[in-house]
């Protein structure tokens, strides 16, 4: 299968190349980069010397007549929507890693502060949370890959919501992400001296992943959900640790809820439920497509506390995108991801 990667020299693009080089059914036909066009990919990322020396091209120089089966868009928000429609018009399947197609037009424009320029394809896109929408993804031509925070939080919360263990009001998500989540373009807030030896909350109440999380949980609950989401920047390269605070509907033990989670995810290779009393850490998922989940019932306050960990660049971006490609293409879901 011939694929292309637009935005290959960003962090998500690099992870896509790393994973797909190990995929036995895939040929990487082109790589695009505006900043590094004309240069070998291995000049940008020297760890790929002799493994991926293909020359990066500008997006507008890519021939849409080239025989391609699928394109990954690892592009900034607002840029993806300009390219997705061009590939879709050529009957090339698309997996978009940006936020451009995750929300309805009105919500997108409110939270991303930019007019949507491809409303027509919003009705055709399938939201690519692999474990939850597997059957729809298998039939899809166009996937909107979930955000990193929504992946971590939703996978932690959905079983409890689906099984009716928790109240739908008053949920709080406290999430901490490594610096790679901000992307590769330099900025003052992401300089080493600003990030190192420091932890800070940011974009409280205005983070664009808030409506995305609420949207997916509302679909599962079949009821509109609103919650508090507080993201934090922590001084690590990769990883997200999300802690979800929820209120139980009735008295129940940790072991009972753990058993229901194990049942819910019994067919999901990339969900690892941790034993009672053991909780996720980012080091255990770095470089993998796993989502680790731990649970605790706090009997004093009747809260269910859920902790999940993912690699924001893999399960939160490129890994889940490849997982979705596998589902769309009839390949084993775990291919190139184990």
C-alpha atoms as a PDB file:
ATOM      1  CA  UNK A   1       0.000   0.000   0.000  1.00  0.00           C
ATOM      2  CA  UNK A   2       1.430   3.367  -1.034  1.00  0.00           C
ATOM      3  CA  UNK A   3       1.077   6.162   1.500  1.00  0.00           C
ATOM      4  CA  UNK A   4       2.144   9.766   1.883  1.00  0.00           C
ATOM      5  CA  UNK A   5       2.873  11.853   4.961  1.00  0.00           C
ATOM      6  CA  UNK A   6       2.204  15.587   4.833  1.00  0.00           C
ATOM      7  CA  UNK A   7       4.094  17.411   7.557  1.00  0.00           C
ATOM      8  CA  UNK A   8       6.651  14.648   7.923  1.00  0.00           C
ATOM      9  CA  UNK A   9       9.263  16.714   9.763  1.00  0.00           C
ATOM     10  CA  UNK A  10       7.088  17.568  12.750  1.00  0.00           C
ATOM     11  CA  UNK A  11       7.140  15.348  15.813  1.00  0.00           C
ATOM     12  CA  UNK A  12       4.021  13.404  14.796  1.00  0.00           C
ATOM     13  CA  UNK A  13       5.358  13.028  11.260  1.00  0.00           C
ATOM     14  CA  UNK A  14       8.638  11.648  12.563  1.00  0.00           C
ATOM     15  CA  UNK A  15       6.757   9.079  14.651  1.00  0.00           C
ATOM     16  CA  UNK A  16       4.704   8.069  11.621  1.00  0.00           C
ATOM     17  CA  UNK A  17       7.882   7.425   9.640  1.00  0.00           C
ATOM     18  CA  UNK A  18       9.420   5.470  12.521  1.00  0.00           C
ATOM     19  CA  UNK A  19       6.391   3.211  12.833  1.00  0.00           C
ATOM     20  CA  UNK A  20       5.638   2.781   9.135  1.00  0.00           C
ATOM     21  CA  UNK A  21       9.204   1.778   8.288  1.00  0.00           C
ATOM     22  CA  UNK A  22       8.417  -1.374  10.278  1.00  0.00           C
ATOM     23  CA  UNK A  23       5.103  -1.998   8.513  1.00  0.00           C
ATOM     24  CA  UNK A  24       5.346  -4.922   6.063  1.00  0.00           C
ATOM     25  CA  UNK A  25       2.381  -3.776   3.957  1.00  0.00           C
ATOM     26  CA  UNK A  26       3.313  -0.116   3.497  1.00  0.00           C
ATOM     27  CA  UNK A  27       5.530   1.816   1.099  1.00  0.00           C
ATOM     28  CA  UNK A  28       6.163   5.464   2.004  1.00  0.00           C
ATOM     29  CA  UNK A  29       5.736   7.144  -1.389  1.00  0.00           C
ATOM     30  CA  UNK A  30       6.269  10.771  -0.402  1.00  0.00           C
ATOM     31  CA  UNK A  31       7.094  13.033   2.512  1.00  0.00           C
ATOM     32  CA  UNK A  32       6.197  16.706   2.590  1.00  0.00           C
ATOM     33  CA  UNK A  33       7.835  19.505   4.563  1.00  0.00           C
ATOM     34  CA  UNK A  34       7.569  23.219   3.903  1.00  0.00           C
ATOM     35  CA  UNK A  35      10.605  24.108   6.020  1.00  0.00           C
ATOM     36  CA  UNK A  36      12.886  21.323   4.804  1.00  0.00           C
ATOM     37  CA  UNK A  37      11.765  20.832   1.204  1.00  0.00           C
ATOM     38  CA  UNK A  38      14.584  19.636  -1.025  1.00  0.00           C
ATOM     39  CA  UNK A  39      16.431  17.992   1.859  1.00  0.00           C
ATOM     40  CA  UNK A  40      16.617  14.282   2.665  1.00  0.00           C
ATOM     41  CA  UNK A  41      14.428  13.306   5.610  1.00  0.00           C
ATOM     42  CA  UNK A  42      17.529  11.814   7.235  1.00  0.00           C
ATOM     43  CA  UNK A  43      19.204  15.239   7.232  1.00  0.00           C
ATOM     44  CA  UNK A  44      16.399  16.518   9.436  1.00  0.00           C
ATOM     45  CA  UNK A  45      16.358  13.434  11.677  1.00  0.00           C
ATOM     46  CA  UNK A  46      19.810  11.798  11.495  1.00  0.00           C
ATOM     47  CA  UNK A  47      18.625   8.661  13.308  1.00  0.00           C
ATOM     48  CA  UNK A  48      16.989   7.685   9.989  1.00  0.00           C
ATOM     49  CA  UNK A  49      20.233   7.668   7.962  1.00  0.00           C
ATOM     50  CA  UNK A  50      20.190   4.801   5.452  1.00  0.00           C
ATOM     51  CA  UNK A  51      16.650   3.943   6.604  1.00  0.00           C
ATOM     52  CA  UNK A  52      14.722   6.897   5.164  1.00  0.00           C
ATOM     53  CA  UNK A  53      16.702   9.167   2.853  1.00  0.00           C
ATOM     54  CA  UNK A  54      13.746  10.229   0.720  1.00  0.00           C
ATOM     55  CA  UNK A  55      13.743  13.909  -0.300  1.00  0.00           C
ATOM     56  CA  UNK A  56      11.088  16.043   1.377  1.00  0.00           C
ATOM     57  CA  UNK A  57       8.826  17.993  -0.987  1.00  0.00           C
ATOM     58  CA  UNK A  58       6.606  21.023  -0.661  1.00  0.00           C
ATOM     59  CA  UNK A  59       2.963  20.047  -0.401  1.00  0.00           C
ATOM     60  CA  UNK A  60       1.974  21.946  -3.536  1.00  0.00           C
ATOM     61  CA  UNK A  61       4.590  20.074  -5.574  1.00  0.00           C
ATOM     62  CA  UNK A  62       3.069  16.682  -4.850  1.00  0.00           C
ATOM     63  CA  UNK A  63       1.289  15.228  -7.839  1.00  0.00           C
ATOM     64  CA  UNK A  64      -2.208  14.129  -6.904  1.00  0.00           C
ATOM     65  CA  UNK A  65      -2.079  11.835  -9.912  1.00  0.00           C
ATOM     66  CA  UNK A  66       0.530   9.681  -8.208  1.00  0.00           C
ATOM     67  CA  UNK A  67      -1.026   6.372  -7.248  1.00  0.00           C
ATOM     68  CA  UNK A  68      -1.634   6.662  -3.535  1.00  0.00           C
ATOM     69  CA  UNK A  69      -3.848   4.610  -1.298  1.00  0.00           C
ATOM     70  CA  UNK A  70      -3.785   6.768   1.820  1.00  0.00           C
ATOM     71  CA  UNK A  71      -2.374  10.043   3.107  1.00  0.00           C
ATOM     72  CA  UNK A  72      -1.581  11.049   6.681  1.00  0.00           C
ATOM     73  CA  UNK A  73      -1.957  14.763   7.390  1.00  0.00           C
ATOM     74  CA  UNK A  74       0.392  15.679  10.240  1.00  0.00           C
ATOM     75  CA  UNK A  75      -0.166  19.367   9.605  1.00  0.00           C
ATOM     76  CA  UNK A  76      -1.017  22.354  11.808  1.00  0.00           C
ATOM     77  CA  UNK A  77      -4.630  23.232  12.504  1.00  0.00           C
ATOM     78  CA  UNK A  78      -6.218  25.247   9.669  1.00  0.00           C
ATOM     79  CA  UNK A  79      -3.739  23.810   7.144  1.00  0.00           C
ATOM     80  CA  UNK A  80      -5.133  20.265   7.087  1.00  0.00           C
ATOM     81  CA  UNK A  81      -8.575  21.354   5.923  1.00  0.00           C
ATOM     82  CA  UNK A  82      -7.047  22.848   2.778  1.00  0.00           C
ATOM     83  CA  UNK A  83      -5.318  19.588   1.863  1.00  0.00           C
ATOM     84  CA  UNK A  84      -7.821  16.969   3.003  1.00  0.00           C
ATOM     85  CA  UNK A  85     -10.437  17.925   0.449  1.00  0.00           C
ATOM     86  CA  UNK A  86      -7.896  17.752  -2.393  1.00  0.00           C
ATOM     87  CA  UNK A  87      -6.925  14.181  -1.575  1.00  0.00           C
ATOM     88  CA  UNK A  88     -10.512  13.108  -0.913  1.00  0.00           C
ATOM     89  CA  UNK A  89     -11.503  14.438  -4.347  1.00  0.00           C
ATOM     90  CA  UNK A  90      -8.939  12.023  -5.802  1.00  0.00           C
ATOM     91  CA  UNK A  91     -10.499   9.112  -3.843  1.00  0.00           C
ATOM     92  CA  UNK A  92      -7.395   8.893  -1.678  1.00  0.00           C
ATOM     93  CA  UNK A  93      -8.156   7.911   1.894  1.00  0.00           C
ATOM     94  CA  UNK A  94      -7.125  10.448   4.516  1.00  0.00           C
ATOM     95  CA  UNK A  95      -6.184  10.272   8.191  1.00  0.00           C
ATOM     96  CA  UNK A  96      -5.951  13.766   9.642  1.00  0.00           C
ATOM     97  CA  UNK A  97      -3.949  14.227  12.842  1.00  0.00           C
ATOM     98  CA  UNK A  98      -4.888  17.888  13.302  1.00  0.00           C
ATOM     99  CA  UNK A  99      -7.958  19.224  15.074  1.00  0.00           C
ATOM    100  CA  UNK A 100      -9.607  20.470  11.891  1.00  0.00           C
ATOM    101  CA  UNK A 101     -12.270  17.766  11.628  1.00  0.00           C
ATOM    102  CA  UNK A 102     -12.835  16.732  15.251  1.00  0.00           C
ATOM    103  CA  UNK A 103     -15.646  19.169  16.017  1.00  0.00           C
ATOM    104  CA  UNK A 104     -18.801  20.444  14.304  1.00  0.00           C
ATOM    105  CA  UNK A 105     -18.283  23.704  12.439  1.00  0.00           C
ATOM    106  CA  UNK A 106     -19.770  25.984  15.105  1.00  0.00           C
ATOM    107  CA  UNK A 107     -17.732  24.440  17.923  1.00  0.00           C
ATOM    108  CA  UNK A 108     -14.575  24.398  15.821  1.00  0.00           C
ATOM    109  CA  UNK A 109     -14.832  28.086  15.033  1.00  0.00           C
ATOM    110  CA  UNK A 110     -15.554  28.933  18.679  1.00  0.00           C
ATOM    111  CA  UNK A 111     -12.631  26.982  20.167  1.00  0.00           C
ATOM    112  CA  UNK A 112     -10.050  27.233  17.357  1.00  0.00           C
ATOM    113  CA  UNK A 113     -10.879  30.864  16.514  1.00  0.00           C
ATOM    114  CA  UNK A 114     -10.767  30.255  12.783  1.00  0.00           C
ATOM    115  CA  UNK A 115     -13.457  29.818  10.116  1.00  0.00           C
ATOM    116  CA  UNK A 116     -13.820  26.258   8.855  1.00  0.00           C
ATOM    117  CA  UNK A 117     -13.143  26.045   5.130  1.00  0.00           C
ATOM    118  CA  UNK A 118     -14.303  22.496   4.418  1.00  0.00           C
ATOM    119  CA  UNK A 119     -17.669  22.079   6.110  1.00  0.00           C
ATOM    120  CA  UNK A 120     -18.722  19.636   3.382  1.00  0.00           C
ATOM    121  CA  UNK A 121     -16.330  16.934   4.581  1.00  0.00           C
ATOM    122  CA  UNK A 122     -17.197  17.379   8.261  1.00  0.00           C
ATOM    123  CA  UNK A 123     -20.273  15.239   7.621  1.00  0.00           C
ATOM    124  CA  UNK A 124     -18.163  12.451   6.089  1.00  0.00           C
ATOM    125  CA  UNK A 125     -15.432  12.129   8.698  1.00  0.00           C
ATOM    126  CA  UNK A 126     -15.240   9.317  11.269  1.00  0.00           C
ATOM    127  CA  UNK A 127     -13.744  10.078  14.667  1.00  0.00           C
ATOM    128  CA  UNK A 128     -10.837   7.689  15.076  1.00  0.00           C
ATOM    129  CA  UNK A 129     -10.849   6.617  18.718  1.00  0.00           C
ATOM    130  CA  UNK A 130      -9.874   3.106  17.695  1.00  0.00           C
ATOM    131  CA  UNK A 131     -11.126   1.053  20.634  1.00  0.00           C
ATOM    132  CA  UNK A 132     -14.541   2.729  20.691  1.00  0.00           C
ATOM    133  CA  UNK A 133     -15.394   3.225  17.012  1.00  0.00           C
ATOM    134  CA  UNK A 134     -13.602   0.247  15.495  1.00  0.00           C
ATOM    135  CA  UNK A 135     -16.448  -0.891  13.228  1.00  0.00           C
ATOM    136  CA  UNK A 136     -17.058   2.583  11.781  1.00  0.00           C
ATOM    137  CA  UNK A 137     -13.331   3.062  11.221  1.00  0.00           C
ATOM    138  CA  UNK A 138     -13.132  -0.175   9.219  1.00  0.00           C
ATOM    139  CA  UNK A 139     -15.548   1.265   6.649  1.00  0.00           C
ATOM    140  CA  UNK A 140     -14.225   4.831   6.629  1.00  0.00           C
ATOM    141  CA  UNK A 141     -12.502   6.771   3.865  1.00  0.00           C
ATOM    142  CA  UNK A 142     -11.718   9.771   6.059  1.00  0.00           C
ATOM    143  CA  UNK A 143     -10.574   9.655   9.695  1.00  0.00           C
ATOM    144  CA  UNK A 144     -10.128  12.479  12.170  1.00  0.00           C
ATOM    145  CA  UNK A 145      -7.509  11.211  14.581  1.00  0.00           C
ATOM    146  CA  UNK A 146      -8.308  12.153  18.200  1.00  0.00           C
ATOM    147  CA  UNK A 147      -6.247  14.612  20.181  1.00  0.00           C
ATOM    148  CA  UNK A 148      -3.736  13.381  22.730  1.00  0.00           C
ATOM    149  CA  UNK A 149      -5.557  14.602  25.836  1.00  0.00           C
ATOM    150  CA  UNK A 150      -8.958  13.328  24.604  1.00  0.00           C
ATOM    151  CA  UNK A 151      -7.455   9.905  23.889  1.00  0.00           C
ATOM    152  CA  UNK A 152      -5.999   9.595  27.370  1.00  0.00           C
ATOM    153  CA  UNK A 153      -9.044  10.953  29.203  1.00  0.00           C
ATOM    154  CA  UNK A 154     -11.737   9.247  27.122  1.00  0.00           C
ATOM    155  CA  UNK A 155     -10.214   5.779  27.305  1.00  0.00           C
ATOM    156  CA  UNK A 156     -10.055   6.180  31.072  1.00  0.00           C
ATOM    157  CA  UNK A 157     -13.622   7.432  31.512  1.00  0.00           C
ATOM    158  CA  UNK A 158     -15.694   5.643  28.875  1.00  0.00           C
ATOM    159  CA  UNK A 159     -16.071   2.250  30.614  1.00  0.00           C
ATOM    160  CA  UNK A 160     -17.264   3.894  33.839  1.00  0.00           C
ATOM    161  CA  UNK A 161     -19.770   6.009  31.905  1.00  0.00           C
ATOM    162  CA  UNK A 162     -20.871   3.111  29.700  1.00  0.00           C
ATOM    163  CA  UNK A 163     -21.461   0.838  32.709  1.00  0.00           C
ATOM    164  CA  UNK A 164     -23.275   3.547  34.645  1.00  0.00           C
ATOM    165  CA  UNK A 165     -20.899   3.577  37.613  1.00  0.00           C
ATOM    166  CA  UNK A 166     -20.490   7.350  37.878  1.00  0.00           C
ATOM    167  CA  UNK A 167     -22.462  10.574  37.947  1.00  0.00           C
ATOM    168  CA  UNK A 168     -22.200  12.560  34.735  1.00  0.00           C
ATOM    169  CA  UNK A 169     -21.959  15.916  36.487  1.00  0.00           C
ATOM    170  CA  UNK A 170     -18.904  17.296  38.238  1.00  0.00           C
ATOM    171  CA  UNK A 171     -16.173  15.287  36.502  1.00  0.00           C
ATOM    172  CA  UNK A 172     -12.688  16.791  36.708  1.00  0.00           C
ATOM    173  CA  UNK A 173      -9.755  15.874  34.449  1.00  0.00           C
ATOM    174  CA  UNK A 174      -6.278  16.862  35.616  1.00  0.00           C
ATOM    175  CA  UNK A 175      -3.844  16.087  32.798  1.00  0.00           C
ATOM    176  CA  UNK A 176      -0.103  16.587  32.479  1.00  0.00           C
ATOM    177  CA  UNK A 177       1.758  16.511  29.168  1.00  0.00           C
ATOM    178  CA  UNK A 178       5.354  16.550  28.023  1.00  0.00           C
ATOM    179  CA  UNK A 179       6.738  19.395  25.938  1.00  0.00           C
ATOM    180  CA  UNK A 180       6.447  17.600  22.583  1.00  0.00           C
ATOM    181  CA  UNK A 181       2.684  18.155  22.700  1.00  0.00           C
ATOM    182  CA  UNK A 182       3.234  21.781  21.691  1.00  0.00           C
ATOM    183  CA  UNK A 183       4.827  20.743  18.398  1.00  0.00           C
ATOM    184  CA  UNK A 184       8.244  21.401  16.890  1.00  0.00           C
ATOM    185  CA  UNK A 185       8.037  25.079  15.995  1.00  0.00           C
ATOM    186  CA  UNK A 186      10.078  27.091  18.517  1.00  0.00           C
ATOM    187  CA  UNK A 187       8.375  29.464  20.949  1.00  0.00           C
ATOM    188  CA  UNK A 188       9.420  31.283  24.099  1.00  0.00           C
ATOM    189  CA  UNK A 189       7.172  29.237  26.386  1.00  0.00           C
ATOM    190  CA  UNK A 190       8.744  26.002  25.120  1.00  0.00           C
ATOM    191  CA  UNK A 191      12.402  27.024  25.479  1.00  0.00           C
ATOM    192  CA  UNK A 192      14.437  24.709  27.700  1.00  0.00           C
ATOM    193  CA  UNK A 193      14.868  27.326  30.420  1.00  0.00           C
ATOM    194  CA  UNK A 194      11.112  27.946  30.506  1.00  0.00           C
ATOM    195  CA  UNK A 195      10.140  24.265  30.704  1.00  0.00           C
ATOM    196  CA  UNK A 196      12.944  22.718  32.758  1.00  0.00           C
ATOM    197  CA  UNK A 197      12.441  22.469  36.528  1.00  0.00           C
ATOM    198  CA  UNK A 198       8.914  23.844  36.234  1.00  0.00           C
ATOM    199  CA  UNK A 199       5.299  22.653  36.123  1.00  0.00           C
ATOM    200  CA  UNK A 200       2.433  24.910  35.156  1.00  0.00           C
ATOM    201  CA  UNK A 201      -1.240  24.802  34.294  1.00  0.00           C
ATOM    202  CA  UNK A 202      -2.232  26.457  31.028  1.00  0.00           C
ATOM    203  CA  UNK A 203      -5.286  27.310  28.893  1.00  0.00           C
ATOM    204  CA  UNK A 204      -7.698  26.601  31.760  1.00  0.00           C
ATOM    205  CA  UNK A 205     -11.228  26.916  30.443  1.00  0.00           C
ATOM    206  CA  UNK A 206     -10.139  27.623  26.882  1.00  0.00           C
ATOM    207  CA  UNK A 207      -8.209  24.519  25.773  1.00  0.00           C
ATOM    208  CA  UNK A 208      -9.499  23.245  22.435  1.00  0.00           C
ATOM    209  CA  UNK A 209      -9.528  19.641  23.658  1.00  0.00           C
ATOM    210  CA  UNK A 210     -12.259  20.430  26.204  1.00  0.00           C
ATOM    211  CA  UNK A 211     -15.188  20.259  23.730  1.00  0.00           C
ATOM    212  CA  UNK A 212     -13.623  17.230  22.050  1.00  0.00           C
ATOM    213  CA  UNK A 213     -13.606  15.306  25.334  1.00  0.00           C
ATOM    214  CA  UNK A 214     -17.131  16.446  26.157  1.00  0.00           C
ATOM    215  CA  UNK A 215     -18.330  15.465  22.683  1.00  0.00           C
ATOM    216  CA  UNK A 216     -17.068  11.890  22.768  1.00  0.00           C
ATOM    217  CA  UNK A 217     -18.251  11.275  26.332  1.00  0.00           C
ATOM    218  CA  UNK A 218     -21.673  12.700  25.446  1.00  0.00           C
ATOM    219  CA  UNK A 219     -21.943  10.234  22.557  1.00  0.00           C
ATOM    220  CA  UNK A 220     -21.226   7.338  24.925  1.00  0.00           C
ATOM    221  CA  UNK A 221     -23.548   8.635  27.649  1.00  0.00           C
ATOM    222  CA  UNK A 222     -26.302   9.623  25.175  1.00  0.00           C
ATOM    223  CA  UNK A 223     -26.580  12.784  27.234  1.00  0.00           C
ATOM    224  CA  UNK A 224     -24.813  16.129  27.072  1.00  0.00           C
ATOM    225  CA  UNK A 225     -21.785  16.222  29.364  1.00  0.00           C
ATOM    226  CA  UNK A 226     -19.814  19.198  30.613  1.00  0.00           C
ATOM    227  CA  UNK A 227     -16.693  18.841  32.722  1.00  0.00           C
ATOM    228  CA  UNK A 228     -13.626  20.653  33.992  1.00  0.00           C
ATOM    229  CA  UNK A 229     -10.384  20.006  32.111  1.00  0.00           C
ATOM    230  CA  UNK A 230      -7.116  21.403  33.452  1.00  0.00           C
ATOM    231  CA  UNK A 231      -3.994  20.686  31.349  1.00  0.00           C
ATOM    232  CA  UNK A 232      -0.468  21.088  32.687  1.00  0.00           C
ATOM    233  CA  UNK A 233       2.938  21.281  31.032  1.00  0.00           C
ATOM    234  CA  UNK A 234       5.606  19.156  32.705  1.00  0.00           C
ATOM    235  CA  UNK A 235       9.359  18.987  31.965  1.00  0.00           C
ATOM    236  CA  UNK A 236       9.492  15.681  30.096  1.00  0.00           C
ATOM    237  CA  UNK A 237       9.762  15.027  26.369  1.00  0.00           C
ATOM    238  CA  UNK A 238       6.856  12.663  25.766  1.00  0.00           C
ATOM    239  CA  UNK A 239       3.919  11.349  27.733  1.00  0.00           C
ATOM    240  CA  UNK A 240       0.553  12.261  29.208  1.00  0.00           C
ATOM    241  CA  UNK A 241      -0.698  11.333  32.653  1.00  0.00           C
ATOM    242  CA  UNK A 242      -4.397  12.041  33.193  1.00  0.00           C
ATOM    243  CA  UNK A 243      -6.151  11.795  36.547  1.00  0.00           C
ATOM    244  CA  UNK A 244      -9.951  11.806  36.426  1.00  0.00           C
ATOM    245  CA  UNK A 245     -12.040  12.548  39.505  1.00  0.00           C
ATOM    246  CA  UNK A 246     -15.623  11.260  39.370  1.00  0.00           C
ATOM    247  CA  UNK A 247     -18.456  10.680  41.845  1.00  0.00           C
ATOM    248  CA  UNK A 248     -19.916   7.184  42.215  1.00  0.00           C
ATOM    249  CA  UNK A 249     -23.658   6.547  41.963  1.00  0.00           C
ATOM    250  CA  UNK A 250     -23.565   3.828  44.628  1.00  0.00           C
ATOM    251  CA  UNK A 251     -21.172   2.095  46.982  1.00  0.00           C
ATOM    252  CA  UNK A 252     -18.918  -0.260  45.072  1.00  0.00           C
ATOM    253  CA  UNK A 253     -15.400  -1.642  45.483  1.00  0.00           C
ATOM    254  CA  UNK A 254     -12.327  -1.013  43.371  1.00  0.00           C
ATOM    255  CA  UNK A 255     -12.199  -4.703  42.478  1.00  0.00           C
ATOM    256  CA  UNK A 256     -15.761  -4.645  41.102  1.00  0.00           C
ATOM    257  CA  UNK A 257     -15.057  -1.685  38.857  1.00  0.00           C
ATOM    258  CA  UNK A 258     -11.710  -3.123  37.791  1.00  0.00           C
ATOM    259  CA  UNK A 259     -13.488  -6.316  36.741  1.00  0.00           C
ATOM    260  CA  UNK A 260     -15.924  -4.303  34.611  1.00  0.00           C
ATOM    261  CA  UNK A 261     -13.040  -2.438  32.931  1.00  0.00           C
ATOM    262  CA  UNK A 262     -11.272  -5.717  32.190  1.00  0.00           C
ATOM    263  CA  UNK A 263     -14.445  -7.015  30.580  1.00  0.00           C
ATOM    264  CA  UNK A 264     -14.962  -3.790  28.600  1.00  0.00           C
ATOM    265  CA  UNK A 265     -11.438  -3.846  27.152  1.00  0.00           C
ATOM    266  CA  UNK A 266     -10.967  -7.621  26.911  1.00  0.00           C
ATOM    267  CA  UNK A 267     -10.494  -7.516  23.123  1.00  0.00           C
ATOM    268  CA  UNK A 268      -8.286  -4.423  23.019  1.00  0.00           C
ATOM    269  CA  UNK A 269      -4.598  -5.167  22.619  1.00  0.00           C
ATOM    270  CA  UNK A 270      -3.411  -1.659  23.482  1.00  0.00           C
ATOM    271  CA  UNK A 271      -5.310  -1.151  26.743  1.00  0.00           C
ATOM    272  CA  UNK A 272      -3.461  -2.406  29.805  1.00  0.00           C
ATOM    273  CA  UNK A 273      -5.532  -2.484  32.979  1.00  0.00           C
ATOM    274  CA  UNK A 274      -3.245  -2.383  35.997  1.00  0.00           C
ATOM    275  CA  UNK A 275      -3.834  -4.452  39.143  1.00  0.00           C
ATOM    276  CA  UNK A 276      -5.564  -2.907  42.127  1.00  0.00           C
ATOM    277  CA  UNK A 277      -3.201  -0.547  43.946  1.00  0.00           C
ATOM    278  CA  UNK A 278      -0.920  -0.092  40.906  1.00  0.00           C
ATOM    279  CA  UNK A 279      -1.079   3.125  38.881  1.00  0.00           C
ATOM    280  CA  UNK A 280       0.262   4.193  35.473  1.00  0.00           C
ATOM    281  CA  UNK A 281       3.428   6.134  34.864  1.00  0.00           C
ATOM    282  CA  UNK A 282       4.590   7.774  31.665  1.00  0.00           C
ATOM    283  CA  UNK A 283       7.895   5.877  31.531  1.00  0.00           C
ATOM    284  CA  UNK A 284       6.021   2.594  31.058  1.00  0.00           C
ATOM    285  CA  UNK A 285       4.263   3.722  27.874  1.00  0.00           C
ATOM    286  CA  UNK A 286       6.959   5.856  26.231  1.00  0.00           C
ATOM    287  CA  UNK A 287       7.451   4.871  22.608  1.00  0.00           C
ATOM    288  CA  UNK A 288       4.456   2.499  22.664  1.00  0.00           C
ATOM    289  CA  UNK A 289       0.841   2.500  21.541  1.00  0.00           C
ATOM    290  CA  UNK A 290      -0.379   1.366  24.950  1.00  0.00           C
ATOM    291  CA  UNK A 291      -2.791   3.154  27.238  1.00  0.00           C
ATOM    292  CA  UNK A 292      -2.260   2.077  30.851  1.00  0.00           C
ATOM    293  CA  UNK A 293      -5.187   2.558  33.231  1.00  0.00           C
ATOM    294  CA  UNK A 294      -5.363   2.294  37.019  1.00  0.00           C
ATOM    295  CA  UNK A 295      -8.395   2.698  39.296  1.00  0.00           C
ATOM    296  CA  UNK A 296      -9.121   3.559  42.918  1.00  0.00           C
ATOM    297  CA  UNK A 297     -12.397   3.882  44.806  1.00  0.00           C
ATOM    298  CA  UNK A 298     -12.007   6.421  47.609  1.00  0.00           C
ATOM    299  CA  UNK A 299     -14.613   5.165  50.073  1.00  0.00           C
ATOM    300  CA  UNK A 300     -14.433   8.241  52.329  1.00  0.00           C
ATOM    301  CA  UNK A 301     -15.603  10.562  49.562  1.00  0.00           C
ATOM    302  CA  UNK A 302     -17.364   8.056  47.293  1.00  0.00           C
ATOM    303  CA  UNK A 303     -15.206   8.984  44.349  1.00  0.00           C
ATOM    304  CA  UNK A 304     -13.819   6.826  41.580  1.00  0.00           C
ATOM    305  CA  UNK A 305     -10.351   8.089  40.687  1.00  0.00           C
ATOM    306  CA  UNK A 306      -9.082   6.958  37.292  1.00  0.00           C
ATOM    307  CA  UNK A 307      -5.477   7.380  36.140  1.00  0.00           C
ATOM    308  CA  UNK A 308      -4.358   6.811  32.550  1.00  0.00           C
ATOM    309  CA  UNK A 309      -1.018   7.179  30.796  1.00  0.00           C
ATOM    310  CA  UNK A 310      -0.151   7.317  27.102  1.00  0.00           C
ATOM    311  CA  UNK A 311       2.705   8.476  24.912  1.00  0.00           C
ATOM    312  CA  UNK A 312       1.244  11.643  23.408  1.00  0.00           C
ATOM    313  CA  UNK A 313       3.215  11.155  20.183  1.00  0.00           C
ATOM    314  CA  UNK A 314       2.249   7.501  19.724  1.00  0.00           C
ATOM    315  CA  UNK A 315      -1.137   6.482  21.148  1.00  0.00           C
ATOM    316  CA  UNK A 316      -1.973  10.193  21.252  1.00  0.00           C
ATOM    317  CA  UNK A 317      -1.029  10.775  17.608  1.00  0.00           C
ATOM    318  CA  UNK A 318       0.978   8.630  15.151  1.00  0.00           C
ATOM    319  CA  UNK A 319       0.428   5.219  16.730  1.00  0.00           C
ATOM    320  CA  UNK A 320      -3.329   5.576  16.848  1.00  0.00           C
ATOM    321  CA  UNK A 321      -3.242   6.889  13.266  1.00  0.00           C
ATOM    322  CA  UNK A 322      -1.464   3.707  12.133  1.00  0.00           C
ATOM    323  CA  UNK A 323      -3.870   1.633  14.222  1.00  0.00           C
ATOM    324  CA  UNK A 324      -6.705   3.307  12.303  1.00  0.00           C
ATOM    325  CA  UNK A 325      -4.938   2.729   8.984  1.00  0.00           C
ATOM    326  CA  UNK A 326      -4.705  -0.964   9.840  1.00  0.00           C
ATOM    327  CA  UNK A 327      -8.421  -1.093  10.621  1.00  0.00           C
ATOM    328  CA  UNK A 328      -9.330   0.756   7.408  1.00  0.00           C
ATOM    329  CA  UNK A 329      -7.139  -1.550   5.318  1.00  0.00           C
ATOM    330  CA  UNK A 330      -8.062  -4.921   6.785  1.00  0.00           C
ATOM    331  CA  UNK A 331      -4.605  -5.454   8.278  1.00  0.00           C
ATOM    332  CA  UNK A 332      -4.113  -6.876  11.779  1.00  0.00           C
ATOM    333  CA  UNK A 333      -4.824  -3.988  14.138  1.00  0.00           C
ATOM    334  CA  UNK A 334      -1.498  -4.404  15.931  1.00  0.00           C
ATOM    335  CA  UNK A 335       0.671  -4.546  12.790  1.00  0.00           C
ATOM    336  CA  UNK A 336       3.872  -2.466  13.176  1.00  0.00           C
ATOM    337  CA  UNK A 337       2.743  -1.335  16.636  1.00  0.00           C
ATOM    338  CA  UNK A 338       3.969  -4.166  18.855  1.00  0.00           C
END
